[in-house]
Amino acid sequence: MDALNQFVRQLTASYARKSVETYAEGAKQFLEYLSKKNVSISEVEQRHISDFLVYLTESGRSTSTVRVWMFGTVKFLKFCRERGIVHFDPVTPKLPRQDESRQYALTRDQFMDFFKACESESEPYRTALRVAASTGLRVGELIALKLDDWKVHGKCVLIRCETKKSRGRVLSRWVPMLPICNRYFRDYLLGFRKSYKLRYPDNNWMFPSTKNTKSHIRASVLQEAVRRIRGRIGLNNMTIHTLRHTYSTFLSRSNVPPLVHAKIMGHKRLDTTLIYTHPSDDELRMAVSRTGINEEE
């Protein structure tokens, strides 16, 4: 485990906390797999990486989990190679492709249904979900918001969120909130959050935990709230990440310039932003109709 601890310390210097956790978990799972097979880390060969991939796939893990754990495993083995612990050059095997069919955006009506259904949740979860839907923040960015991470520019509310830690630097960006959320956000700050601040003045999280008064809300609790809401409005495939895809699609349909769009979403590459935009059936139909090549009469 000494090598794993050193690996985690190295990752911490260059990656965001969430990335460190997922890569480290992949390496940990690989070490546990080797232990079951009675194979020491110094005996590892390329075939063990391929066998581990099969093991993860057959265990029923999601494609995204398999991919990030495999990335973490190979990074860990390369780390070990540099220190002479393993004696081959590890290569990432061909990984299963992300199922993009599961990624979609809500329609405007579905978005409004979700927004209204949030009312049935208690604070701070109700407003946290509305802010998530209205800003497209990653769940890790959302729960890490502080009380001063917002400002007003004209009639637009801007939310400041941390995007990544790079060599000890904290990078952040400002994200515009959809106007539909302005009133709810203001009422939350003047109501629940102000009352909470009076009782627990040392807690400066935007969305504080109702159980641990020194911490923020947990991502898992937000995801549970989404599951309750989607059951009520009949969107069984929806996840909290669907809200991010939806926000991005709204930006695309509003003809936001690509570079601005990518900056708002926190993407380094434009092709990543394209993954987060989902044309509707009407938009696909209009794209063809604009060609002017119509059915013969």
C-alpha atoms as a PDB file:
ATOM      1  CA  MET A   1       0.000   0.000   0.000  1.00  0.00           C
ATOM      2  CA  ASP A   2       3.022   2.319   0.319  1.00  0.00           C
ATOM      3  CA  ALA A   3       3.182   2.606  -3.474  1.00  0.00           C
ATOM      4  CA  LEU A   4      -0.539   3.431  -3.593  1.00  0.00           C
ATOM      5  CA  ASN A   5      -0.165   6.164  -0.966  1.00  0.00           C
ATOM      6  CA  GLN A   6       2.764   7.674  -2.879  1.00  0.00           C
ATOM      7  CA  PHE A   7       0.730   7.467  -6.090  1.00  0.00           C
ATOM      8  CA  VAL A   8      -2.143   9.361  -4.460  1.00  0.00           C
ATOM      9  CA  ARG A   9       0.211  12.085  -3.228  1.00  0.00           C
ATOM     10  CA  GLN A  10       1.573  12.522  -6.751  1.00  0.00           C
ATOM     11  CA  LEU A  11      -1.939  12.734  -8.225  1.00  0.00           C
ATOM     12  CA  THR A  12      -2.979  15.329  -5.648  1.00  0.00           C
ATOM     13  CA  ALA A  13      -0.359  17.735  -6.973  1.00  0.00           C
ATOM     14  CA  SER A  14      -1.822  17.729 -10.483  1.00  0.00           C
ATOM     15  CA  TYR A  15      -5.477  16.642 -10.418  1.00  0.00           C
ATOM     16  CA  ALA A  16      -8.751  17.776  -8.884  1.00  0.00           C
ATOM     17  CA  ARG A  17      -9.904  15.974  -5.751  1.00  0.00           C
ATOM     18  CA  LYS A  18     -12.623  13.984  -7.540  1.00  0.00           C
ATOM     19  CA  SER A  19     -10.178  12.745 -10.188  1.00  0.00           C
ATOM     20  CA  VAL A  20      -7.701  11.718  -7.499  1.00  0.00           C
ATOM     21  CA  GLU A  21     -10.390   9.724  -5.705  1.00  0.00           C
ATOM     22  CA  THR A  22     -11.574   7.870  -8.810  1.00  0.00           C
ATOM     23  CA  TYR A  23      -8.076   7.062 -10.113  1.00  0.00           C
ATOM     24  CA  ALA A  24      -6.978   5.923  -6.647  1.00  0.00           C
ATOM     25  CA  GLU A  25     -10.063   3.728  -6.326  1.00  0.00           C
ATOM     26  CA  GLY A  26      -9.222   2.070  -9.652  1.00  0.00           C
ATOM     27  CA  ALA A  27      -5.682   1.321  -8.455  1.00  0.00           C
ATOM     28  CA  LYS A  28      -7.024   0.017  -5.134  1.00  0.00           C
ATOM     29  CA  GLN A  29      -9.500  -2.278  -6.884  1.00  0.00           C
ATOM     30  CA  PHE A  30      -6.683  -3.622  -9.067  1.00  0.00           C
ATOM     31  CA  LEU A  31      -4.515  -4.393  -6.024  1.00  0.00           C
ATOM     32  CA  GLU A  32      -7.437  -6.201  -4.376  1.00  0.00           C
ATOM     33  CA  TYR A  33      -7.953  -8.178  -7.594  1.00  0.00           C
ATOM     34  CA  LEU A  34      -4.269  -9.198  -7.580  1.00  0.00           C
ATOM     35  CA  SER A  35      -4.561 -10.297  -3.956  1.00  0.00           C
ATOM     36  CA  LYS A  36      -7.461 -12.609  -4.838  1.00  0.00           C
ATOM     37  CA  LYS A  37      -5.320 -14.100  -7.603  1.00  0.00           C
ATOM     38  CA  ASN A  38      -2.267 -14.420  -5.291  1.00  0.00           C
ATOM     39  CA  VAL A  39      -0.213 -12.206  -7.611  1.00  0.00           C
ATOM     40  CA  SER A  40       2.218  -9.668  -6.185  1.00  0.00           C
ATOM     41  CA  ILE A  41       2.612  -6.237  -7.747  1.00  0.00           C
ATOM     42  CA  SER A  42       6.143  -7.121  -8.911  1.00  0.00           C
ATOM     43  CA  GLU A  43       4.758 -10.103 -10.853  1.00  0.00           C
ATOM     44  CA  VAL A  44       2.198  -8.106 -12.830  1.00  0.00           C
ATOM     45  CA  GLU A  45       2.199  -8.450 -16.603  1.00  0.00           C
ATOM     46  CA  GLN A  46       0.094  -6.881 -19.368  1.00  0.00           C
ATOM     47  CA  ARG A  47      -2.263  -9.882 -19.336  1.00  0.00           C
ATOM     48  CA  HIS A  48      -3.255  -9.077 -15.758  1.00  0.00           C
ATOM     49  CA  ILE A  49      -4.494  -5.667 -16.913  1.00  0.00           C
ATOM     50  CA  SER A  50      -6.615  -7.299 -19.630  1.00  0.00           C
ATOM     51  CA  ASP A  51      -7.931  -9.884 -17.162  1.00  0.00           C
ATOM     52  CA  PHE A  52      -8.832  -7.116 -14.717  1.00  0.00           C
ATOM     53  CA  LEU A  53     -10.824  -5.365 -17.458  1.00  0.00           C
ATOM     54  CA  VAL A  54     -12.815  -8.553 -18.073  1.00  0.00           C
ATOM     55  CA  TYR A  55     -13.359  -8.936 -14.322  1.00  0.00           C
ATOM     56  CA  LEU A  56     -14.734  -5.379 -13.995  1.00  0.00           C
ATOM     57  CA  THR A  57     -16.958  -5.729 -17.049  1.00  0.00           C
ATOM     58  CA  GLU A  58     -18.454  -8.989 -15.827  1.00  0.00           C
ATOM     59  CA  SER A  59     -18.998  -7.591 -12.338  1.00  0.00           C
ATOM     60  CA  GLY A  60     -21.780  -5.387 -13.702  1.00  0.00           C
ATOM     61  CA  ARG A  61     -20.003  -2.076 -13.195  1.00  0.00           C
ATOM     62  CA  SER A  62     -21.136   0.807 -15.391  1.00  0.00           C
ATOM     63  CA  THR A  63     -19.120   1.607 -18.498  1.00  0.00           C
ATOM     64  CA  SER A  64     -18.010   4.950 -17.061  1.00  0.00           C
ATOM     65  CA  THR A  65     -16.801   3.298 -13.842  1.00  0.00           C
ATOM     66  CA  VAL A  66     -14.909   0.615 -15.769  1.00  0.00           C
ATOM     67  CA  ARG A  67     -13.207   3.246 -17.897  1.00  0.00           C
ATOM     68  CA  VAL A  68     -12.045   5.540 -15.081  1.00  0.00           C
ATOM     69  CA  TRP A  69     -10.882   2.603 -12.927  1.00  0.00           C
ATOM     70  CA  MET A  70      -8.877   1.228 -15.840  1.00  0.00           C
ATOM     71  CA  PHE A  71      -7.331   4.647 -16.448  1.00  0.00           C
ATOM     72  CA  GLY A  72      -6.418   4.779 -12.749  1.00  0.00           C
ATOM     73  CA  THR A  73      -4.947   1.276 -12.875  1.00  0.00           C
ATOM     74  CA  VAL A  74      -2.697   2.015 -15.840  1.00  0.00           C
ATOM     75  CA  LYS A  75      -1.591   5.342 -14.346  1.00  0.00           C
ATOM     76  CA  PHE A  76      -0.681   3.514 -11.133  1.00  0.00           C
ATOM     77  CA  LEU A  77       1.294   0.835 -12.989  1.00  0.00           C
ATOM     78  CA  LYS A  78       3.178   3.478 -14.969  1.00  0.00           C
ATOM     79  CA  PHE A  79       3.981   5.130 -11.649  1.00  0.00           C
ATOM     80  CA  CYS A  80       5.284   1.755 -10.392  1.00  0.00           C
ATOM     81  CA  ARG A  81       7.275   1.252 -13.587  1.00  0.00           C
ATOM     82  CA  GLU A  82       9.104   4.553 -13.031  1.00  0.00           C
ATOM     83  CA  ARG A  83      10.147   3.285  -9.593  1.00  0.00           C
ATOM     84  CA  GLY A  84      11.203  -0.171 -10.703  1.00  0.00           C
ATOM     85  CA  ILE A  85       8.332  -1.934  -8.937  1.00  0.00           C
ATOM     86  CA  VAL A  86       6.939  -3.462 -12.139  1.00  0.00           C
ATOM     87  CA  HIS A  87       9.073  -4.540 -15.060  1.00  0.00           C
ATOM     88  CA  PHE A  88       7.030  -3.847 -18.217  1.00  0.00           C
ATOM     89  CA  ASP A  89       5.494  -0.849 -19.932  1.00  0.00           C
ATOM     90  CA  PRO A  90       1.754  -0.948 -19.101  1.00  0.00           C
ATOM     91  CA  VAL A  91      -0.653  -0.202 -21.933  1.00  0.00           C
ATOM     92  CA  THR A  92      -4.344   0.625 -21.643  1.00  0.00           C
ATOM     93  CA  PRO A  93      -6.340  -2.165 -23.348  1.00  0.00           C
ATOM     94  CA  LYS A  94      -9.252  -1.363 -25.634  1.00  0.00           C
ATOM     95  CA  LEU A  95     -11.994  -0.133 -23.335  1.00  0.00           C
ATOM     96  CA  PRO A  96     -15.774  -0.364 -23.786  1.00  0.00           C
ATOM     97  CA  ARG A  97     -17.201   2.758 -25.387  1.00  0.00           C
ATOM     98  CA  GLN A  98     -19.295   5.096 -23.318  1.00  0.00           C
ATOM     99  CA  ASP A  99     -22.979   4.480 -24.007  1.00  0.00           C
ATOM    100  CA  GLU A 100     -23.903   7.884 -25.406  1.00  0.00           C
ATOM    101  CA  SER A 101     -27.504   6.794 -25.950  1.00  0.00           C
ATOM    102  CA  ARG A 102     -28.035   7.170 -22.175  1.00  0.00           C
ATOM    103  CA  GLN A 103     -26.996  10.809 -22.315  1.00  0.00           C
ATOM    104  CA  TYR A 104     -29.800  13.139 -23.273  1.00  0.00           C
ATOM    105  CA  ALA A 105     -31.273  16.557 -22.581  1.00  0.00           C
ATOM    106  CA  LEU A 106     -34.686  17.358 -21.165  1.00  0.00           C
ATOM    107  CA  THR A 107     -37.167  19.128 -23.379  1.00  0.00           C
ATOM    108  CA  ARG A 108     -38.372  22.538 -22.240  1.00  0.00           C
ATOM    109  CA  ASP A 109     -41.586  21.022 -20.875  1.00  0.00           C
ATOM    110  CA  GLN A 110     -39.691  18.271 -19.044  1.00  0.00           C
ATOM    111  CA  PHE A 111     -37.331  20.886 -17.625  1.00  0.00           C
ATOM    112  CA  MET A 112     -40.284  22.902 -16.296  1.00  0.00           C
ATOM    113  CA  ASP A 113     -41.846  19.746 -14.832  1.00  0.00           C
ATOM    114  CA  PHE A 114     -38.600  18.990 -13.019  1.00  0.00           C
ATOM    115  CA  PHE A 115     -38.250  22.559 -11.793  1.00  0.00           C
ATOM    116  CA  LYS A 116     -41.751  22.534 -10.322  1.00  0.00           C
ATOM    117  CA  ALA A 117     -41.323  19.046  -8.824  1.00  0.00           C
ATOM    118  CA  CYS A 118     -38.306  20.278  -6.827  1.00  0.00           C
ATOM    119  CA  GLU A 119     -40.816  22.075  -4.590  1.00  0.00           C
ATOM    120  CA  SER A 120     -41.583  18.766  -2.864  1.00  0.00           C
ATOM    121  CA  GLU A 121     -37.998  18.489  -1.601  1.00  0.00           C
ATOM    122  CA  SER A 122     -36.794  20.175   1.582  1.00  0.00           C
ATOM    123  CA  GLU A 123     -34.094  22.833   1.739  1.00  0.00           C
ATOM    124  CA  PRO A 124     -31.261  23.079   0.938  1.00  0.00           C
ATOM    125  CA  TYR A 125     -31.795  20.257  -1.580  1.00  0.00           C
ATOM    126  CA  ARG A 126     -34.692  21.981  -3.336  1.00  0.00           C
ATOM    127  CA  THR A 127     -32.674  25.044  -4.278  1.00  0.00           C
ATOM    128  CA  ALA A 128     -29.482  23.059  -4.915  1.00  0.00           C
ATOM    129  CA  LEU A 129     -31.270  21.047  -7.603  1.00  0.00           C
ATOM    130  CA  ARG A 130     -32.780  24.157  -9.150  1.00  0.00           C
ATOM    131  CA  VAL A 131     -29.360  25.804  -9.265  1.00  0.00           C
ATOM    132  CA  ALA A 132     -27.905  22.624 -10.807  1.00  0.00           C
ATOM    133  CA  ALA A 133     -30.568  22.726 -13.525  1.00  0.00           C
ATOM    134  CA  SER A 134     -30.073  26.447 -14.095  1.00  0.00           C
ATOM    135  CA  THR A 135     -26.253  26.483 -14.291  1.00  0.00           C
ATOM    136  CA  GLY A 136     -25.222  23.054 -15.582  1.00  0.00           C
ATOM    137  CA  LEU A 137     -22.623  22.727 -12.819  1.00  0.00           C
ATOM    138  CA  ARG A 138     -21.007  19.369 -12.184  1.00  0.00           C
ATOM    139  CA  VAL A 139     -22.331  17.921  -8.939  1.00  0.00           C
ATOM    140  CA  GLY A 140     -18.895  18.251  -7.329  1.00  0.00           C
ATOM    141  CA  GLU A 141     -18.784  21.932  -8.273  1.00  0.00           C
ATOM    142  CA  LEU A 142     -22.310  22.496  -6.991  1.00  0.00           C
ATOM    143  CA  ILE A 143     -21.816  21.086  -3.505  1.00  0.00           C
ATOM    144  CA  ALA A 144     -18.469  22.910  -3.139  1.00  0.00           C
ATOM    145  CA  LEU A 145     -19.999  26.377  -3.626  1.00  0.00           C
ATOM    146  CA  LYS A 146     -19.363  28.905  -0.862  1.00  0.00           C
ATOM    147  CA  LEU A 147     -21.692  31.678   0.303  1.00  0.00           C
ATOM    148  CA  ASP A 148     -19.758  34.371  -1.554  1.00  0.00           C
ATOM    149  CA  ASP A 149     -19.570  32.453  -4.850  1.00  0.00           C
ATOM    150  CA  TRP A 150     -22.140  34.585  -6.636  1.00  0.00           C
ATOM    151  CA  LYS A 151     -22.700  38.094  -7.929  1.00  0.00           C
ATOM    152  CA  VAL A 152     -25.240  40.039  -9.985  1.00  0.00           C
ATOM    153  CA  HIS A 153     -24.371  41.549 -13.361  1.00  0.00           C
ATOM    154  CA  GLY A 154     -27.280  43.564 -14.652  1.00  0.00           C
ATOM    155  CA  LYS A 155     -30.235  41.209 -14.250  1.00  0.00           C
ATOM    156  CA  CYS A 156     -28.069  38.106 -14.509  1.00  0.00           C
ATOM    157  CA  VAL A 157     -26.918  36.076 -11.517  1.00  0.00           C
ATOM    158  CA  LEU A 158     -23.416  34.659 -11.986  1.00  0.00           C
ATOM    159  CA  ILE A 159     -22.150  31.675 -10.017  1.00  0.00           C
ATOM    160  CA  ARG A 160     -18.424  31.175  -9.426  1.00  0.00           C
ATOM    161  CA  CYS A 161     -17.281  27.574  -9.243  1.00  0.00           C
ATOM    162  CA  GLU A 162     -13.950  25.837  -8.860  1.00  0.00           C
ATOM    163  CA  THR A 163     -13.023  23.886 -11.973  1.00  0.00           C
ATOM    164  CA  LYS A 164      -9.673  22.271 -11.292  1.00  0.00           C
ATOM    165  CA  LYS A 165      -6.542  22.392  -9.206  1.00  0.00           C
ATOM    166  CA  SER A 166      -3.445  22.645 -11.355  1.00  0.00           C
ATOM    167  CA  ARG A 167      -0.075  22.512  -9.589  1.00  0.00           C
ATOM    168  CA  GLY A 168      -1.536  23.968  -6.443  1.00  0.00           C
ATOM    169  CA  ARG A 169      -3.520  26.702  -8.225  1.00  0.00           C
ATOM    170  CA  VAL A 170      -7.275  26.912  -7.893  1.00  0.00           C
ATOM    171  CA  LEU A 171      -8.934  27.721 -11.213  1.00  0.00           C
ATOM    172  CA  SER A 172     -12.480  29.021 -11.367  1.00  0.00           C
ATOM    173  CA  ARG A 173     -15.058  30.301 -13.822  1.00  0.00           C
ATOM    174  CA  TRP A 174     -18.261  32.342 -13.717  1.00  0.00           C
ATOM    175  CA  VAL A 175     -21.441  30.628 -14.916  1.00  0.00           C
ATOM    176  CA  PRO A 176     -24.665  32.514 -15.775  1.00  0.00           C
ATOM    177  CA  MET A 177     -27.811  31.240 -14.090  1.00  0.00           C
ATOM    178  CA  LEU A 178     -31.016  30.815 -16.078  1.00  0.00           C
ATOM    179  CA  PRO A 179     -33.342  33.670 -15.053  1.00  0.00           C
ATOM    180  CA  ILE A 180     -36.072  31.235 -13.997  1.00  0.00           C
ATOM    181  CA  CYS A 181     -34.012  30.448 -10.888  1.00  0.00           C
ATOM    182  CA  ASN A 182     -33.295  34.029  -9.774  1.00  0.00           C
ATOM    183  CA  ARG A 183     -36.286  34.410  -7.474  1.00  0.00           C
ATOM    184  CA  TYR A 184     -35.881  30.973  -5.901  1.00  0.00           C
ATOM    185  CA  PHE A 185     -32.186  31.594  -5.301  1.00  0.00           C
ATOM    186  CA  ARG A 186     -32.861  34.987  -3.691  1.00  0.00           C
ATOM    187  CA  ASP A 187     -35.599  33.544  -1.469  1.00  0.00           C
ATOM    188  CA  TYR A 188     -33.258  30.732  -0.421  1.00  0.00           C
ATOM    189  CA  LEU A 189     -30.485  33.154   0.589  1.00  0.00           C
ATOM    190  CA  LEU A 190     -32.866  35.408   2.518  1.00  0.00           C
ATOM    191  CA  GLY A 191     -34.777  32.516   4.058  1.00  0.00           C
ATOM    192  CA  PHE A 192     -33.278  29.126   4.810  1.00  0.00           C
ATOM    193  CA  ARG A 193     -29.619  30.098   4.336  1.00  0.00           C
ATOM    194  CA  LYS A 194     -29.833  33.263   6.457  1.00  0.00           C
ATOM    195  CA  SER A 195     -31.529  31.319   9.252  1.00  0.00           C
ATOM    196  CA  TYR A 196     -28.923  28.562   9.051  1.00  0.00           C
ATOM    197  CA  LYS A 197     -26.107  31.155   9.217  1.00  0.00           C
ATOM    198  CA  LEU A 198     -27.505  32.568  12.452  1.00  0.00           C
ATOM    199  CA  ARG A 199     -27.436  29.113  14.052  1.00  0.00           C
ATOM    200  CA  TYR A 200     -24.140  27.943  12.572  1.00  0.00           C
ATOM    201  CA  PRO A 201     -22.076  31.053  11.742  1.00  0.00           C
ATOM    202  CA  ASP A 202     -18.900  29.077  10.948  1.00  0.00           C
ATOM    203  CA  ASN A 203     -20.489  27.100   8.092  1.00  0.00           C
ATOM    204  CA  ASN A 204     -19.871  29.040   4.869  1.00  0.00           C
ATOM    205  CA  TRP A 205     -21.032  26.430   2.359  1.00  0.00           C
ATOM    206  CA  MET A 206     -23.740  27.604  -0.022  1.00  0.00           C
ATOM    207  CA  PHE A 207     -25.647  24.355   0.512  1.00  0.00           C
ATOM    208  CA  PRO A 208     -24.822  23.186   4.043  1.00  0.00           C
ATOM    209  CA  SER A 209     -25.525  19.715   5.365  1.00  0.00           C
ATOM    210  CA  THR A 210     -28.522  19.394   7.662  1.00  0.00           C
ATOM    211  CA  LYS A 211     -26.811  16.565   9.569  1.00  0.00           C
ATOM    212  CA  ASN A 212     -23.170  17.682   9.767  1.00  0.00           C
ATOM    213  CA  THR A 213     -23.204  21.390  10.545  1.00  0.00           C
ATOM    214  CA  LYS A 214     -19.554  21.790   9.506  1.00  0.00           C
ATOM    215  CA  SER A 215     -19.952  20.299   6.043  1.00  0.00           C
ATOM    216  CA  HIS A 216     -21.861  20.727   2.783  1.00  0.00           C
ATOM    217  CA  ILE A 217     -24.571  18.468   1.372  1.00  0.00           C
ATOM    218  CA  ARG A 218     -23.478  15.127  -0.106  1.00  0.00           C
ATOM    219  CA  ALA A 219     -23.723  14.286  -3.790  1.00  0.00           C
ATOM    220  CA  SER A 220     -25.373  10.960  -2.987  1.00  0.00           C
ATOM    221  CA  VAL A 221     -28.239  12.692  -1.166  1.00  0.00           C
ATOM    222  CA  LEU A 222     -28.829  14.970  -4.152  1.00  0.00           C
ATOM    223  CA  GLN A 223     -28.896  11.942  -6.444  1.00  0.00           C
ATOM    224  CA  GLU A 224     -31.477  10.307  -4.189  1.00  0.00           C
ATOM    225  CA  ALA A 225     -33.627  13.437  -4.487  1.00  0.00           C
ATOM    226  CA  VAL A 226     -33.378  13.280  -8.292  1.00  0.00           C
ATOM    227  CA  ARG A 227     -34.528   9.652  -8.200  1.00  0.00           C
ATOM    228  CA  ARG A 228     -37.583  10.636  -6.166  1.00  0.00           C
ATOM    229  CA  ILE A 229     -38.439  13.505  -8.495  1.00  0.00           C
ATOM    230  CA  ARG A 230     -37.972  11.551 -11.720  1.00  0.00           C
ATOM    231  CA  GLY A 231     -40.383   8.917 -10.419  1.00  0.00           C
ATOM    232  CA  ARG A 232     -43.028  11.585  -9.862  1.00  0.00           C
ATOM    233  CA  ILE A 233     -42.664  13.137 -13.328  1.00  0.00           C
ATOM    234  CA  GLY A 234     -42.080   9.927 -15.291  1.00  0.00           C
ATOM    235  CA  LEU A 235     -38.449  10.408 -16.378  1.00  0.00           C
ATOM    236  CA  ASN A 236     -36.968   7.113 -15.281  1.00  0.00           C
ATOM    237  CA  ASN A 237     -33.646   7.501 -17.146  1.00  0.00           C
ATOM    238  CA  MET A 238     -32.875  10.912 -15.735  1.00  0.00           C
ATOM    239  CA  THR A 239     -29.839  11.522 -13.499  1.00  0.00           C
ATOM    240  CA  ILE A 240     -28.424  14.670 -11.965  1.00  0.00           C
ATOM    241  CA  HIS A 241     -25.925  14.761 -14.852  1.00  0.00           C
ATOM    242  CA  THR A 242     -28.862  15.043 -17.264  1.00  0.00           C
ATOM    243  CA  LEU A 243     -29.323  18.572 -15.921  1.00  0.00           C
ATOM    244  CA  ARG A 244     -25.837  19.490 -17.147  1.00  0.00           C
ATOM    245  CA  HIS A 245     -26.602  18.107 -20.619  1.00  0.00           C
ATOM    246  CA  THR A 246     -29.866  20.038 -20.624  1.00  0.00           C
ATOM    247  CA  TYR A 247     -28.267  23.361 -19.696  1.00  0.00           C
ATOM    248  CA  SER A 248     -25.618  22.901 -22.382  1.00  0.00           C
ATOM    249  CA  THR A 249     -28.278  22.117 -24.987  1.00  0.00           C
ATOM    250  CA  PHE A 250     -30.196  25.270 -24.031  1.00  0.00           C
ATOM    251  CA  LEU A 251     -27.008  27.289 -24.619  1.00  0.00           C
ATOM    252  CA  SER A 252     -26.532  25.663 -28.018  1.00  0.00           C
ATOM    253  CA  ARG A 253     -30.103  26.410 -29.078  1.00  0.00           C
ATOM    254  CA  SER A 254     -29.586  30.040 -28.023  1.00  0.00           C
ATOM    255  CA  ASN A 255     -26.700  30.306 -30.531  1.00  0.00           C
ATOM    256  CA  VAL A 256     -24.086  31.000 -27.857  1.00  0.00           C
ATOM    257  CA  PRO A 257     -20.680  31.204 -29.612  1.00  0.00           C
ATOM    258  CA  PRO A 258     -18.799  27.875 -29.309  1.00  0.00           C
ATOM    259  CA  LEU A 259     -15.819  29.283 -27.390  1.00  0.00           C
ATOM    260  CA  VAL A 260     -18.103  31.040 -24.901  1.00  0.00           C
ATOM    261  CA  HIS A 261     -20.202  27.882 -24.611  1.00  0.00           C
ATOM    262  CA  ALA A 262     -17.127  25.776 -23.813  1.00  0.00           C
ATOM    263  CA  LYS A 263     -15.860  28.305 -21.264  1.00  0.00           C
ATOM    264  CA  ILE A 264     -19.207  28.377 -19.449  1.00  0.00           C
ATOM    265  CA  MET A 265     -19.270  24.572 -19.296  1.00  0.00           C
ATOM    266  CA  GLY A 266     -15.675  24.391 -18.104  1.00  0.00           C
ATOM    267  CA  HIS A 267     -14.488  22.358 -21.098  1.00  0.00           C
ATOM    268  CA  LYS A 268     -10.941  22.644 -22.408  1.00  0.00           C
ATOM    269  CA  ARG A 269     -11.901  21.245 -25.801  1.00  0.00           C
ATOM    270  CA  LEU A 270     -14.780  22.145 -28.107  1.00  0.00           C
ATOM    271  CA  ASP A 271     -15.399  18.509 -29.059  1.00  0.00           C
ATOM    272  CA  THR A 272     -16.263  17.805 -25.413  1.00  0.00           C
ATOM    273  CA  THR A 273     -18.885  20.543 -25.526  1.00  0.00           C
ATOM    274  CA  LEU A 274     -20.447  18.937 -28.610  1.00  0.00           C
ATOM    275  CA  ILE A 275     -21.095  15.757 -26.602  1.00  0.00           C
ATOM    276  CA  TYR A 276     -23.242  17.836 -24.257  1.00  0.00           C
ATOM    277  CA  THR A 277     -25.574  19.188 -26.931  1.00  0.00           C
ATOM    278  CA  HIS A 278     -28.578  17.192 -28.116  1.00  0.00           C
ATOM    279  CA  PRO A 279     -30.624  18.375 -31.115  1.00  0.00           C
ATOM    280  CA  SER A 280     -34.356  17.789 -30.905  1.00  0.00           C
ATOM    281  CA  ASP A 281     -36.356  15.917 -33.558  1.00  0.00           C
ATOM    282  CA  ASP A 282     -37.705  19.246 -34.837  1.00  0.00           C
ATOM    283  CA  GLU A 283     -34.192  20.622 -35.216  1.00  0.00           C
ATOM    284  CA  LEU A 284     -33.128  17.537 -37.170  1.00  0.00           C
ATOM    285  CA  ARG A 285     -36.164  17.917 -39.427  1.00  0.00           C
ATOM    286  CA  MET A 286     -35.454  21.606 -40.001  1.00  0.00           C
ATOM    287  CA  ALA A 287     -31.814  20.850 -40.841  1.00  0.00           C
ATOM    288  CA  VAL A 288     -32.944  18.656 -43.730  1.00  0.00           C
ATOM    289  CA  SER A 289     -35.712  20.988 -44.881  1.00  0.00           C
ATOM    290  CA  ARG A 290     -33.226  23.874 -45.210  1.00  0.00           C
ATOM    291  CA  THR A 291     -31.331  21.981 -47.916  1.00  0.00           C
ATOM    292  CA  GLY A 292     -34.178  22.749 -50.312  1.00  0.00           C
ATOM    293  CA  ILE A 293     -34.058  19.213 -51.767  1.00  0.00           C
ATOM    294  CA  ASN A 294     -37.694  18.314 -51.355  1.00  0.00           C
ATOM    295  CA  GLU A 295     -39.875  15.348 -52.231  1.00  0.00           C
ATOM    296  CA  GLU A 296     -40.818  15.147 -55.912  1.00  0.00           C
ATOM    297  CA  GLU A 297     -44.427  15.977 -56.657  1.00  0.00           C
END
